[in-house]
Amino acid sequence: MQKIVINRCYGGFSLSDEAETRYREITGDYWPLFRWEVSRNDPALIQVIEEIGDKANGQCADLKIVEIPDGVDWEIAEYDGMEHVAEKHRTWR
């Protein structure tokens, strides 16, 4: 199973200061952490959410870990900041 972090409320994905600090401790990366650039299946991000739970939520965020089967080509879809994981499909326009 793959673990992926999503936001489950309107507003958008964001991390608390405590979560960012813990992420930096785990990764040793002390460069600025751009919240929107963190891979949602990043093992360090998953670890942070599992360790500190709701304290990882940034402003207007309710972060949850969802599990999907291995091998699924996935993407995060959102509406007004509320997210879900969707299997990628081909699209032509």
N, C-alpha and C. Protein backbone atom coordinates (compact mmCIF):
# COMPACT_ATOMS: atom_id res chain seq x y z
N MET A 1 0.84 -1.19 0.00
CA MET A 1 0.00 0.00 0.00
C MET A 1 0.88 1.25 0.00
N GLN A 2 0.41 2.27 -0.69
CA GLN A 2 1.08 3.57 -0.71
C GLN A 2 0.33 4.51 0.24
N LYS A 3 1.09 5.33 0.97
CA LYS A 3 0.50 6.33 1.83
C LYS A 3 0.67 7.70 1.18
N ILE A 4 -0.42 8.50 1.23
CA ILE A 4 -0.44 9.82 0.62
C ILE A 4 -1.13 10.78 1.58
N VAL A 5 -0.57 11.98 1.74
CA VAL A 5 -1.16 12.99 2.61
C VAL A 5 -2.05 13.91 1.78
N ILE A 6 -3.29 14.09 2.25
CA ILE A 6 -4.22 15.01 1.60
C ILE A 6 -4.84 15.93 2.64
N ASN A 7 -5.43 17.01 2.16
CA ASN A 7 -6.19 17.92 3.01
C ASN A 7 -7.67 17.58 2.88
N ARG A 8 -8.35 17.44 4.00
CA ARG A 8 -9.76 17.03 3.99
C ARG A 8 -10.71 18.12 4.46
N CYS A 9 -10.37 19.37 4.22
CA CYS A 9 -11.31 20.46 4.50
C CYS A 9 -11.08 21.56 3.48
N TYR A 10 -12.05 22.45 3.38
CA TYR A 10 -11.90 23.58 2.48
C TYR A 10 -10.83 24.52 3.01
N GLY A 11 -10.05 25.06 2.14
CA GLY A 11 -9.00 26.00 2.54
C GLY A 11 -7.68 25.68 1.88
N GLY A 12 -7.22 24.46 1.99
CA GLY A 12 -6.00 24.09 1.31
C GLY A 12 -4.96 23.44 2.19
N PHE A 13 -4.07 22.73 1.54
CA PHE A 13 -2.98 22.03 2.20
C PHE A 13 -2.01 23.03 2.81
N SER A 14 -1.70 22.86 4.07
CA SER A 14 -0.63 23.65 4.70
C SER A 14 -0.17 22.92 5.95
N LEU A 15 1.07 23.17 6.30
CA LEU A 15 1.68 22.56 7.47
C LEU A 15 1.84 23.60 8.58
N SER A 16 1.74 23.14 9.80
CA SER A 16 1.99 24.02 10.93
C SER A 16 3.50 24.27 11.05
N ASP A 17 3.86 25.27 11.83
CA ASP A 17 5.28 25.54 12.08
C ASP A 17 5.94 24.33 12.73
N GLU A 18 5.22 23.68 13.65
CA GLU A 18 5.75 22.49 14.33
C GLU A 18 6.02 21.37 13.32
N ALA A 19 5.11 21.19 12.37
CA ALA A 19 5.29 20.15 11.35
C ALA A 19 6.48 20.47 10.45
N GLU A 20 6.62 21.73 10.07
CA GLU A 20 7.76 22.12 9.23
C GLU A 20 9.07 21.88 9.97
N THR A 21 9.10 22.24 11.25
CA THR A 21 10.31 22.03 12.05
C THR A 21 10.65 20.56 12.13
N ARG A 22 9.65 19.72 12.40
CA ARG A 22 9.89 18.28 12.50
C ARG A 22 10.34 17.71 11.16
N TYR A 23 9.75 18.18 10.06
CA TYR A 23 10.15 17.73 8.73
C TYR A 23 11.63 18.03 8.51
N ARG A 24 12.04 19.22 8.88
CA ARG A 24 13.45 19.60 8.72
C ARG A 24 14.37 18.74 9.60
N GLU A 25 13.92 18.41 10.81
CA GLU A 25 14.71 17.55 11.68
C GLU A 25 14.91 16.17 11.06
N ILE A 26 13.86 15.64 10.46
CA ILE A 26 13.92 14.30 9.88
C ILE A 26 14.81 14.29 8.63
N THR A 27 14.64 15.29 7.78
CA THR A 27 15.34 15.29 6.49
C THR A 27 16.72 15.93 6.55
N GLY A 28 16.95 16.77 7.57
CA GLY A 28 18.21 17.50 7.63
C GLY A 28 18.25 18.65 6.63
N ASP A 29 17.12 18.92 5.98
CA ASP A 29 17.03 19.99 4.98
C ASP A 29 16.55 21.25 5.67
N TYR A 30 17.44 22.21 5.83
CA TYR A 30 17.09 23.44 6.53
C TYR A 30 16.88 24.61 5.57
N TRP A 31 16.81 24.33 4.27
CA TRP A 31 16.41 25.35 3.31
C TRP A 31 14.94 25.60 3.51
N PRO A 32 14.44 26.73 3.05
CA PRO A 32 13.00 27.00 3.21
C PRO A 32 12.17 25.86 2.61
N LEU A 33 11.17 25.44 3.36
CA LEU A 33 10.28 24.36 2.93
C LEU A 33 9.07 25.00 2.25
N PHE A 34 8.93 24.76 0.97
CA PHE A 34 7.78 25.28 0.25
C PHE A 34 6.68 24.24 0.31
N ARG A 35 5.67 24.52 1.07
CA ARG A 35 4.61 23.55 1.37
C ARG A 35 4.02 22.91 0.13
N TRP A 36 3.87 23.68 -0.93
CA TRP A 36 3.22 23.16 -2.12
C TRP A 36 4.18 22.31 -2.96
N GLU A 37 5.45 22.27 -2.60
CA GLU A 37 6.42 21.48 -3.35
C GLU A 37 6.76 20.15 -2.69
N VAL A 38 6.25 19.91 -1.51
CA VAL A 38 6.52 18.66 -0.82
C VAL A 38 5.70 17.56 -1.48
N SER A 39 6.39 16.48 -1.85
CA SER A 39 5.69 15.34 -2.43
C SER A 39 4.77 14.75 -1.38
N ARG A 40 3.54 14.53 -1.72
CA ARG A 40 2.56 14.08 -0.74
C ARG A 40 2.77 12.63 -0.29
N ASN A 41 3.65 11.91 -0.98
CA ASN A 41 3.99 10.56 -0.52
C ASN A 41 5.42 10.52 0.02
N ASP A 42 5.97 11.68 0.33
CA ASP A 42 7.31 11.80 0.91
C ASP A 42 7.32 11.07 2.26
N PRO A 43 8.21 10.09 2.44
CA PRO A 43 8.25 9.34 3.70
C PRO A 43 8.42 10.23 4.93
N ALA A 44 9.18 11.31 4.81
CA ALA A 44 9.36 12.22 5.95
C ALA A 44 8.05 12.94 6.28
N LEU A 45 7.30 13.35 5.26
CA LEU A 45 6.01 14.00 5.49
C LEU A 45 5.05 13.02 6.16
N ILE A 46 5.00 11.81 5.67
CA ILE A 46 4.15 10.78 6.27
C ILE A 46 4.52 10.59 7.74
N GLN A 47 5.81 10.51 8.02
CA GLN A 47 6.28 10.34 9.39
C GLN A 47 5.83 11.49 10.29
N VAL A 48 5.93 12.71 9.79
CA VAL A 48 5.50 13.88 10.57
C VAL A 48 4.03 13.78 10.93
N ILE A 49 3.20 13.47 9.95
CA ILE A 49 1.75 13.39 10.19
C ILE A 49 1.45 12.26 11.18
N GLU A 50 2.12 11.14 11.04
CA GLU A 50 1.89 10.02 11.96
C GLU A 50 2.35 10.35 13.37
N GLU A 51 3.44 11.09 13.50
CA GLU A 51 3.98 11.42 14.83
C GLU A 51 3.16 12.48 15.56
N ILE A 52 2.83 13.57 14.86
CA ILE A 52 2.21 14.67 15.61
C ILE A 52 0.73 14.87 15.30
N GLY A 53 0.19 14.10 14.39
CA GLY A 53 -1.25 14.10 14.15
C GLY A 53 -1.80 15.47 13.81
N ASP A 54 -2.87 15.86 14.50
CA ASP A 54 -3.56 17.13 14.21
C ASP A 54 -2.69 18.35 14.41
N LYS A 55 -1.63 18.23 15.19
CA LYS A 55 -0.72 19.37 15.38
C LYS A 55 0.06 19.69 14.11
N ALA A 56 -0.03 18.82 13.11
CA ALA A 56 0.64 19.06 11.82
C ALA A 56 -0.18 19.98 10.92
N ASN A 57 -1.46 20.15 11.25
CA ASN A 57 -2.35 20.95 10.41
C ASN A 57 -1.95 22.41 10.42
N GLY A 58 -1.78 22.97 9.22
CA GLY A 58 -1.57 24.40 9.10
C GLY A 58 -2.90 25.12 9.12
N GLN A 59 -2.86 26.40 8.82
CA GLN A 59 -4.08 27.21 8.79
C GLN A 59 -5.05 26.64 7.76
N CYS A 60 -6.29 26.44 8.15
CA CYS A 60 -7.35 25.93 7.26
C CYS A 60 -7.00 24.57 6.67
N ALA A 61 -6.35 23.71 7.43
CA ALA A 61 -6.00 22.38 6.93
C ALA A 61 -6.46 21.31 7.90
N ASP A 62 -6.79 20.16 7.36
CA ASP A 62 -7.13 18.96 8.11
C ASP A 62 -6.45 17.82 7.38
N LEU A 63 -5.19 17.58 7.71
CA LEU A 63 -4.36 16.63 6.98
C LEU A 63 -4.66 15.20 7.40
N LYS A 64 -4.79 14.34 6.42
CA LYS A 64 -5.06 12.92 6.63
C LYS A 64 -4.16 12.10 5.72
N ILE A 65 -3.85 10.90 6.17
CA ILE A 65 -3.10 9.95 5.35
C ILE A 65 -4.10 8.95 4.78
N VAL A 66 -4.09 8.81 3.46
CA VAL A 66 -4.91 7.79 2.82
C VAL A 66 -3.98 6.74 2.24
N GLU A 67 -4.46 5.51 2.18
CA GLU A 67 -3.68 4.42 1.62
C GLU A 67 -4.36 3.94 0.34
N ILE A 68 -3.55 3.76 -0.69
CA ILE A 68 -4.06 3.23 -1.96
C ILE A 68 -3.17 2.05 -2.36
N PRO A 69 -3.67 1.18 -3.22
CA PRO A 69 -2.88 0.02 -3.63
C PRO A 69 -1.58 0.42 -4.33
N ASP A 70 -0.56 -0.39 -4.15
CA ASP A 70 0.69 -0.19 -4.88
C ASP A 70 0.43 -0.28 -6.38
N GLY A 71 1.20 0.46 -7.13
CA GLY A 71 1.12 0.39 -8.58
C GLY A 71 0.08 1.30 -9.21
N VAL A 72 -0.72 2.00 -8.39
CA VAL A 72 -1.72 2.91 -8.94
C VAL A 72 -1.03 4.22 -9.32
N ASP A 73 -1.28 4.68 -10.54
CA ASP A 73 -0.77 5.97 -11.00
C ASP A 73 -1.78 7.01 -10.52
N TRP A 74 -1.41 7.80 -9.53
CA TRP A 74 -2.37 8.66 -8.84
C TRP A 74 -2.03 10.14 -8.99
N GLU A 75 -3.04 10.95 -8.68
CA GLU A 75 -2.87 12.39 -8.61
C GLU A 75 -3.81 12.90 -7.52
N ILE A 76 -3.54 14.10 -7.05
CA ILE A 76 -4.42 14.71 -6.06
C ILE A 76 -5.35 15.67 -6.80
N ALA A 77 -6.63 15.48 -6.59
CA ALA A 77 -7.64 16.38 -7.15
C ALA A 77 -8.21 17.19 -5.99
N GLU A 78 -8.63 18.42 -6.30
CA GLU A 78 -9.16 19.25 -5.21
C GLU A 78 -10.26 20.17 -5.71
N TYR A 79 -11.09 20.58 -4.77
CA TYR A 79 -12.12 21.59 -5.02
C TYR A 79 -12.10 22.53 -3.82
N ASP A 80 -11.76 23.78 -4.05
CA ASP A 80 -11.66 24.79 -2.99
C ASP A 80 -10.77 24.33 -1.84
N GLY A 81 -9.75 23.56 -2.16
CA GLY A 81 -8.79 23.13 -1.14
C GLY A 81 -9.06 21.77 -0.55
N MET A 82 -10.30 21.26 -0.68
CA MET A 82 -10.59 19.91 -0.18
C MET A 82 -10.10 18.92 -1.22
N GLU A 83 -9.28 17.99 -0.79
CA GLU A 83 -8.59 17.10 -1.72
C GLU A 83 -9.04 15.65 -1.62
N HIS A 84 -8.80 14.92 -2.69
CA HIS A 84 -8.93 13.47 -2.69
C HIS A 84 -7.91 12.92 -3.67
N VAL A 85 -7.62 11.66 -3.53
CA VAL A 85 -6.68 10.99 -4.43
C VAL A 85 -7.49 10.34 -5.54
N ALA A 86 -7.06 10.57 -6.77
CA ALA A 86 -7.74 9.99 -7.93
C ALA A 86 -6.72 9.23 -8.78
N GLU A 87 -7.18 8.17 -9.38
CA GLU A 87 -6.33 7.45 -10.31
C GLU A 87 -6.22 8.28 -11.58
N LYS A 88 -5.01 8.41 -12.12
CA LYS A 88 -4.81 9.19 -13.35
C LYS A 88 -5.42 8.45 -14.53
N HIS A 89 -6.03 9.23 -15.39
CA HIS A 89 -6.59 8.70 -16.63
C HIS A 89 -6.10 9.59 -17.76
N ARG A 90 -6.18 9.08 -18.95
CA ARG A 90 -5.75 9.88 -20.10
C ARG A 90 -6.85 10.88 -20.46
N THR A 91 -6.43 12.07 -20.86
CA THR A 91 -7.36 13.12 -21.26
C THR A 91 -6.83 13.80 -22.50
N TRP A 92 -7.71 14.05 -23.47
CA TRP A 92 -7.35 14.82 -24.66
C TRP A 92 -8.29 15.99 -24.78
N ARG A 93 -7.78 17.10 -25.30
CA ARG A 93 -8.64 18.28 -25.51
C ARG A 93 -8.39 18.83 -26.87
